Amino acid sequence: RQIVCVSTGGKLLRVKLSNEFSKGPVNI
């Protein structure tokens, strides 16, 4: 569980995940 604080608000959002620097796949 990770906590972040956004700046602006909205009613529709999307979240970005990154596995760009890892050497193998990650299963979520």
PDB file of all heavy atoms in Angstrom:
ATOM      1  N   ARG A   1       0.856  -1.187   0.000  1.00  0.00           N
ATOM      2  CA  ARG A   1       0.000   0.000   0.000  1.00  0.00           C
ATOM      3  C   ARG A   1       0.897   1.243   0.000  1.00  0.00           C
ATOM      4  O   ARG A   1       1.731   1.408   0.886  1.00  0.00           O
ATOM      5  CB  ARG A   1      -0.925   0.006   1.210  1.00  0.00           C
ATOM      6  CG  ARG A   1      -1.801   1.263   1.320  1.00  0.00           C
ATOM      7  CD  ARG A   1      -2.897   1.076   2.371  1.00  0.00           C
ATOM      8  NE  ARG A   1      -3.877   0.091   1.909  1.00  0.00           N
ATOM      9  CZ  ARG A   1      -4.797  -0.460   2.698  1.00  0.00           C
ATOM     10  NH1 ARG A   1      -4.839  -0.148   3.981  1.00  0.00           N
ATOM     11  NH2 ARG A   1      -5.662  -1.334   2.197  1.00  0.00           N
ATOM     12  N   GLN A   2       0.680   2.123  -0.996  1.00  0.00           N
ATOM     13  CA  GLN A   2       1.494   3.319  -1.149  1.00  0.00           C
ATOM     14  C   GLN A   2       0.606   4.556  -1.130  1.00  0.00           C
ATOM     15  O   GLN A   2      -0.474   4.556  -1.725  1.00  0.00           O
ATOM     16  CB  GLN A   2       2.289   3.246  -2.456  1.00  0.00           C
ATOM     17  CG  GLN A   2       3.168   1.994  -2.521  1.00  0.00           C
ATOM     18  CD  GLN A   2       3.916   1.871  -3.836  1.00  0.00           C
ATOM     19  OE1 GLN A   2       5.043   2.315  -3.973  1.00  0.00           O
ATOM     20  NE2 GLN A   2       3.283   1.253  -4.818  1.00  0.00           N
ATOM     21  N   ILE A   3       1.084   5.597  -0.484  1.00  0.00           N
ATOM     22  CA  ILE A   3       0.309   6.825  -0.311  1.00  0.00           C
ATOM     23  C   ILE A   3       0.919   7.929  -1.168  1.00  0.00           C
ATOM     24  O   ILE A   3       2.136   8.133  -1.155  1.00  0.00           O
ATOM     25  CB  ILE A   3       0.296   7.276   1.167  1.00  0.00           C
ATOM     26  CG1 ILE A   3      -0.041   6.092   2.100  1.00  0.00           C
ATOM     27  CG2 ILE A   3      -0.672   8.435   1.360  1.00  0.00           C
ATOM     28  CD1 ILE A   3      -1.374   5.453   1.857  1.00  0.00           C
ATOM     29  N   VAL A   4       0.072   8.638  -1.896  1.00  0.00           N
ATOM     30  CA  VAL A   4       0.519   9.790  -2.677  1.00  0.00           C
ATOM     31  C   VAL A   4      -0.453  10.946  -2.454  1.00  0.00           C
ATOM     32  O   VAL A   4      -1.622  10.728  -2.125  1.00  0.00           O
ATOM     33  CB  VAL A   4       0.626   9.471  -4.190  1.00  0.00           C
ATOM     34  CG1 VAL A   4       1.554   8.294  -4.431  1.00  0.00           C
ATOM     35  CG2 VAL A   4      -0.746   9.200  -4.799  1.00  0.00           C
ATOM     36  N   CYS A   5       0.031  12.152  -2.650  1.00  0.00           N
ATOM     37  CA  CYS A   5      -0.807  13.348  -2.511  1.00  0.00           C
ATOM     38  C   CYS A   5      -0.899  14.043  -3.863  1.00  0.00           C
ATOM     39  O   CYS A   5       0.119  14.493  -4.404  1.00  0.00           O
ATOM     40  CB  CYS A   5      -0.206  14.303  -1.470  1.00  0.00           C
ATOM     41  SG  CYS A   5      -1.206  15.785  -1.177  1.00  0.00           S
ATOM     42  N   VAL A   6      -2.098  14.113  -4.426  1.00  0.00           N
ATOM     43  CA  VAL A   6      -2.286  14.732  -5.740  1.00  0.00           C
ATOM     44  C   VAL A   6      -2.274  16.253  -5.610  1.00  0.00           C
ATOM     45  O   VAL A   6      -2.347  16.795  -4.506  1.00  0.00           O
ATOM     46  CB  VAL A   6      -3.594  14.257  -6.390  1.00  0.00           C
ATOM     47  CG1 VAL A   6      -3.595  12.744  -6.537  1.00  0.00           C
ATOM     48  CG2 VAL A   6      -4.816  14.733  -5.601  1.00  0.00           C
ATOM     49  N   SER A   7      -2.190  16.929  -6.736  1.00  0.00           N
ATOM     50  CA  SER A   7      -2.254  18.396  -6.733  1.00  0.00           C
ATOM     51  C   SER A   7      -3.673  18.854  -7.069  1.00  0.00           C
ATOM     52  O   SER A   7      -4.391  19.333  -6.205  1.00  0.00           O
ATOM     53  CB  SER A   7      -1.224  18.978  -7.707  1.00  0.00           C
ATOM     54  OG  SER A   7      -1.319  18.391  -8.994  1.00  0.00           O
ATOM     55  N   THR A   8      -4.125  18.661  -8.290  1.00  0.00           N
ATOM     56  CA  THR A   8      -5.486  19.044  -8.675  1.00  0.00           C
ATOM     57  C   THR A   8      -6.435  17.850  -8.567  1.00  0.00           C
ATOM     58  O   THR A   8      -6.003  16.705  -8.452  1.00  0.00           O
ATOM     59  CB  THR A   8      -5.503  19.573 -10.118  1.00  0.00           C
ATOM     60  OG1 THR A   8      -4.882  18.601 -10.974  1.00  0.00           O
ATOM     61  CG2 THR A   8      -4.759  20.885 -10.215  1.00  0.00           C
ATOM     62  N   GLY A   9      -7.733  18.136  -8.626  1.00  0.00           N
ATOM     63  CA  GLY A   9      -8.737  17.092  -8.527  1.00  0.00           C
ATOM     64  C   GLY A   9      -9.417  16.810  -9.852  1.00  0.00           C
ATOM     65  O   GLY A   9      -9.079  17.382 -10.887  1.00  0.00           O
ATOM     66  N   GLY A  10     -10.391  15.923  -9.809  1.00  0.00           N
ATOM     67  CA  GLY A  10     -11.139  15.569 -11.009  1.00  0.00           C
ATOM     68  C   GLY A  10     -12.123  14.457 -10.706  1.00  0.00           C
ATOM     69  O   GLY A  10     -12.154  13.909  -9.604  1.00  0.00           O
ATOM     70  N   LYS A  11     -12.943  14.119 -11.687  1.00  0.00           N
ATOM     71  CA  LYS A  11     -13.949  13.073 -11.531  1.00  0.00           C
ATOM     72  C   LYS A  11     -13.603  11.807 -12.299  1.00  0.00           C
ATOM     73  O   LYS A  11     -14.289  10.792 -12.160  1.00  0.00           O
ATOM     74  CB  LYS A  11     -15.314  13.597 -11.989  1.00  0.00           C
ATOM     75  CG  LYS A  11     -15.832  14.756 -11.150  1.00  0.00           C
ATOM     76  CD  LYS A  11     -17.182  15.238 -11.656  1.00  0.00           C
ATOM     77  CE  LYS A  11     -17.695  16.398 -10.807  1.00  0.00           C
ATOM     78  NZ  LYS A  11     -19.013  16.898 -11.295  1.00  0.00           N
ATOM     79  N   LEU A  12     -12.566  11.891 -13.122  1.00  0.00           N
ATOM     80  CA  LEU A  12     -12.127  10.732 -13.894  1.00  0.00           C
ATOM     81  C   LEU A  12     -10.609  10.709 -13.843  1.00  0.00           C
ATOM     82  O   LEU A  12      -9.967  11.722 -14.095  1.00  0.00           O
ATOM     83  CB  LEU A  12     -12.618  10.835 -15.342  1.00  0.00           C
ATOM     84  CG  LEU A  12     -12.546   9.577 -16.203  1.00  0.00           C
ATOM     85  CD1 LEU A  12     -13.559   8.539 -15.720  1.00  0.00           C
ATOM     86  CD2 LEU A  12     -12.811   9.904 -17.675  1.00  0.00           C
ATOM     87  N   LEU A  13     -10.032   9.555 -13.505  1.00  0.00           N
ATOM     88  CA  LEU A  13      -8.585   9.483 -13.377  1.00  0.00           C
ATOM     89  C   LEU A  13      -8.053   8.218 -14.019  1.00  0.00           C
ATOM     90  O   LEU A  13      -8.795   7.286 -14.340  1.00  0.00           O
ATOM     91  CB  LEU A  13      -8.162   9.559 -11.896  1.00  0.00           C
ATOM     92  CG  LEU A  13      -8.636   8.498 -10.915  1.00  0.00           C
ATOM     93  CD1 LEU A  13      -7.867   7.172 -11.047  1.00  0.00           C
ATOM     94  CD2 LEU A  13      -8.494   8.997  -9.481  1.00  0.00           C
ATOM     95  N   ARG A  14      -6.747   8.207 -14.187  1.00  0.00           N
ATOM     96  CA  ARG A  14      -6.046   6.998 -14.607  1.00  0.00           C
ATOM     97  C   ARG A  14      -4.685   6.982 -13.901  1.00  0.00           C
ATOM     98  O   ARG A  14      -4.126   8.031 -13.587  1.00  0.00           O
ATOM     99  CB  ARG A  14      -5.876   6.938 -16.128  1.00  0.00           C
ATOM    100  CG  ARG A  14      -5.055   8.084 -16.723  1.00  0.00           C
ATOM    101  CD  ARG A  14      -4.972   7.978 -18.227  1.00  0.00           C
ATOM    102  NE  ARG A  14      -4.085   9.001 -18.789  1.00  0.00           N
ATOM    103  CZ  ARG A  14      -3.790   9.116 -20.084  1.00  0.00           C
ATOM    104  NH1 ARG A  14      -4.335   8.273 -20.950  1.00  0.00           N
ATOM    105  NH2 ARG A  14      -2.969  10.056 -20.509  1.00  0.00           N
ATOM    106  N   VAL A  15      -4.182   5.786 -13.630  1.00  0.00           N
ATOM    107  CA  VAL A  15      -2.932   5.612 -12.892  1.00  0.00           C
ATOM    108  C   VAL A  15      -1.902   4.969 -13.813  1.00  0.00           C
ATOM    109  O   VAL A  15      -2.226   4.056 -14.587  1.00  0.00           O
ATOM    110  CB  VAL A  15      -3.161   4.742 -11.642  1.00  0.00           C
ATOM    111  CG1 VAL A  15      -1.847   4.464 -10.916  1.00  0.00           C
ATOM    112  CG2 VAL A  15      -4.156   5.424 -10.698  1.00  0.00           C
ATOM    113  N   LYS A  16      -0.671   5.440 -13.716  1.00  0.00           N
ATOM    114  CA  LYS A  16       0.410   4.927 -14.553  1.00  0.00           C
ATOM    115  C   LYS A  16       1.338   4.052 -13.716  1.00  0.00           C
ATOM    116  O   LYS A  16       1.772   4.450 -12.635  1.00  0.00           O
ATOM    117  CB  LYS A  16       1.177   6.093 -15.177  1.00  0.00           C
ATOM    118  CG  LYS A  16       2.269   5.702 -16.138  1.00  0.00           C
ATOM    119  CD  LYS A  16       2.751   6.882 -16.989  1.00  0.00           C
ATOM    120  CE  LYS A  16       3.191   8.065 -16.171  1.00  0.00           C
ATOM    121  NZ  LYS A  16       3.756   9.138 -17.017  1.00  0.00           N
ATOM    122  N   LEU A  17       1.627   2.857 -14.214  1.00  0.00           N
ATOM    123  CA  LEU A  17       2.558   1.938 -13.589  1.00  0.00           C
ATOM    124  C   LEU A  17       3.763   1.739 -14.499  1.00  0.00           C
ATOM    125  O   LEU A  17       3.630   1.780 -15.727  1.00  0.00           O
ATOM    126  CB  LEU A  17       1.899   0.581 -13.328  1.00  0.00           C
ATOM    127  CG  LEU A  17       0.608   0.574 -12.504  1.00  0.00           C
ATOM    128  CD1 LEU A  17       0.127  -0.861 -12.324  1.00  0.00           C
ATOM    129  CD2 LEU A  17       0.798   1.250 -11.157  1.00  0.00           C
ATOM    130  N   SER A  18       4.932   1.528 -13.897  1.00  0.00           N
ATOM    131  CA  SER A  18       6.140   1.399 -14.704  1.00  0.00           C
ATOM    132  C   SER A  18       6.976   0.203 -14.280  1.00  0.00           C
ATOM    133  O   SER A  18       7.264   0.010 -13.096  1.00  0.00           O
ATOM    134  CB  SER A  18       6.993   2.674 -14.593  1.00  0.00           C
ATOM    135  OG  SER A  18       8.188   2.526 -15.342  1.00  0.00           O
ATOM    136  N   ASN A  19       7.355  -0.583 -15.280  1.00  0.00           N
ATOM    137  CA  ASN A  19       8.309  -1.681 -15.094  1.00  0.00           C
ATOM    138  C   ASN A  19       9.491  -1.485 -16.039  1.00  0.00           C
ATOM    139  O   ASN A  19      10.134  -2.439 -16.471  1.00  0.00           O
ATOM    140  CB  ASN A  19       7.628  -3.031 -15.370  1.00  0.00           C
ATOM    141  CG  ASN A  19       8.423  -4.211 -14.859  1.00  0.00           C
ATOM    142  OD1 ASN A  19       9.060  -4.154 -13.807  1.00  0.00           O
ATOM    143  ND2 ASN A  19       8.405  -5.308 -15.615  1.00  0.00           N
ATOM    144  N   GLU A  20       9.769  -0.208 -16.329  1.00  0.00           N
ATOM    145  CA  GLU A  20      10.728   0.115 -17.386  1.00  0.00           C
ATOM    146  C   GLU A  20      12.166  -0.286 -17.086  1.00  0.00           C
ATOM    147  O   GLU A  20      12.925  -0.626 -17.988  1.00  0.00           O
ATOM    148  CB  GLU A  20      10.675   1.615 -17.676  1.00  0.00           C
ATOM    149  CG  GLU A  20       9.403   2.050 -18.358  1.00  0.00           C
ATOM    150  CD  GLU A  20       9.345   3.545 -18.547  1.00  0.00           C
ATOM    151  OE1 GLU A  20       8.935   4.239 -17.608  1.00  0.00           O
ATOM    152  OE2 GLU A  20       9.734   4.023 -19.623  1.00  0.00           O
ATOM    153  N   PHE A  21      12.582  -0.218 -15.828  1.00  0.00           N
ATOM    154  CA  PHE A  21      13.985  -0.463 -15.514  1.00  0.00           C
ATOM    155  C   PHE A  21      14.226  -1.850 -14.924  1.00  0.00           C
ATOM    156  O   PHE A  21      15.356  -2.195 -14.601  1.00  0.00           O
ATOM    157  CB  PHE A  21      14.498   0.613 -14.557  1.00  0.00           C
ATOM    158  CG  PHE A  21      14.575   1.975 -15.199  1.00  0.00           C
ATOM    159  CD1 PHE A  21      13.510   2.860 -15.102  1.00  0.00           C
ATOM    160  CD2 PHE A  21      15.687   2.361 -15.918  1.00  0.00           C
ATOM    161  CE1 PHE A  21      13.567   4.104 -15.704  1.00  0.00           C
ATOM    162  CE2 PHE A  21      15.751   3.600 -16.525  1.00  0.00           C
ATOM    163  CZ  PHE A  21      14.697   4.480 -16.419  1.00  0.00           C
ATOM    164  N   SER A  22      13.184  -2.626 -14.785  1.00  0.00           N
ATOM    165  CA  SER A  22      13.335  -3.977 -14.249  1.00  0.00           C
ATOM    166  C   SER A  22      13.829  -4.916 -15.351  1.00  0.00           C
ATOM    167  O   SER A  22      13.673  -4.644 -16.540  1.00  0.00           O
ATOM    168  CB  SER A  22      11.995  -4.468 -13.696  1.00  0.00           C
ATOM    169  OG  SER A  22      11.482  -3.527 -12.769  1.00  0.00           O
ATOM    170  N   LYS A  23      14.394  -6.031 -14.928  1.00  0.00           N
ATOM    171  CA  LYS A  23      14.955  -6.975 -15.894  1.00  0.00           C
ATOM    172  C   LYS A  23      14.023  -8.149 -16.175  1.00  0.00           C
ATOM    173  O   LYS A  23      14.366  -9.045 -16.957  1.00  0.00           O
ATOM    174  CB  LYS A  23      16.308  -7.478 -15.397  1.00  0.00           C
ATOM    175  CG  LYS A  23      17.363  -6.382 -15.320  1.00  0.00           C
ATOM    176  CD  LYS A  23      18.705  -6.911 -14.863  1.00  0.00           C
ATOM    177  CE  LYS A  23      19.738  -5.780 -14.811  1.00  0.00           C
ATOM    178  NZ  LYS A  23      21.065  -6.257 -14.333  1.00  0.00           N
ATOM    179  N   GLY A  24      12.877  -8.155 -15.518  1.00  0.00           N
ATOM    180  CA  GLY A  24      11.928  -9.230 -15.738  1.00  0.00           C
ATOM    181  C   GLY A  24      10.507  -8.732 -15.620  1.00  0.00           C
ATOM    182  O   GLY A  24      10.258  -7.606 -15.164  1.00  0.00           O
ATOM    183  N   PRO A  25       9.522  -9.533 -16.012  1.00  0.00           N
ATOM    184  CA  PRO A  25       8.112  -9.133 -15.915  1.00  0.00           C
ATOM    185  C   PRO A  25       7.646  -9.091 -14.469  1.00  0.00           C
ATOM    186  O   PRO A  25       8.198  -9.763 -13.592  1.00  0.00           O
ATOM    187  CB  PRO A  25       7.385 -10.224 -16.699  1.00  0.00           C
ATOM    188  CG  PRO A  25       8.268 -11.426 -16.576  1.00  0.00           C
ATOM    189  CD  PRO A  25       9.678 -10.904 -16.557  1.00  0.00           C
ATOM    190  N   VAL A  26       6.617  -8.299 -14.218  1.00  0.00           N
ATOM    191  CA  VAL A  26       5.998  -8.259 -12.897  1.00  0.00           C
ATOM    192  C   VAL A  26       4.520  -8.618 -13.051  1.00  0.00           C
ATOM    193  O   VAL A  26       3.817  -8.063 -13.892  1.00  0.00           O
ATOM    194  CB  VAL A  26       6.167  -6.880 -12.213  1.00  0.00           C
ATOM    195  CG1 VAL A  26       5.599  -5.748 -13.068  1.00  0.00           C
ATOM    196  CG2 VAL A  26       5.520  -6.869 -10.840  1.00  0.00           C
ATOM    197  N   ASN A  27       4.068  -9.569 -12.254  1.00  0.00           N
ATOM    198  CA  ASN A  27       2.659  -9.954 -12.271  1.00  0.00           C
ATOM    199  C   ASN A  27       1.926  -9.207 -11.164  1.00  0.00           C
ATOM    200  O   ASN A  27       2.351  -9.203 -10.006  1.00  0.00           O
ATOM    201  CB  ASN A  27       2.496 -11.463 -12.061  1.00  0.00           C
ATOM    202  CG  ASN A  27       1.042 -11.876 -11.927  1.00  0.00           C
ATOM    203  OD1 ASN A  27       0.648 -12.463 -10.937  1.00  0.00           O
ATOM    204  ND2 ASN A  27       0.211 -11.537 -12.905  1.00  0.00           N
ATOM    205  N   ILE A  28       0.856  -8.540 -11.554  1.00  0.00           N
ATOM    206  CA  ILE A  28       0.030  -7.791 -10.611  1.00  0.00           C
ATOM    207  C   ILE A  28      -1.364  -8.395 -10.631  1.00  0.00           C
ATOM    208  O   ILE A  28      -2.045  -8.400 -11.659  1.00  0.00           O
ATOM    209  CB  ILE A  28      -0.002  -6.300 -10.976  1.00  0.00           C
ATOM    210  CG1 ILE A  28       1.402  -5.699 -10.805  1.00  0.00           C
ATOM    211  CG2 ILE A  28      -1.014  -5.546 -10.120  1.00  0.00           C
ATOM    212  CD1 ILE A  28       1.507  -4.256 -11.227  1.00  0.00           C
TER     213      ILE A  28
END
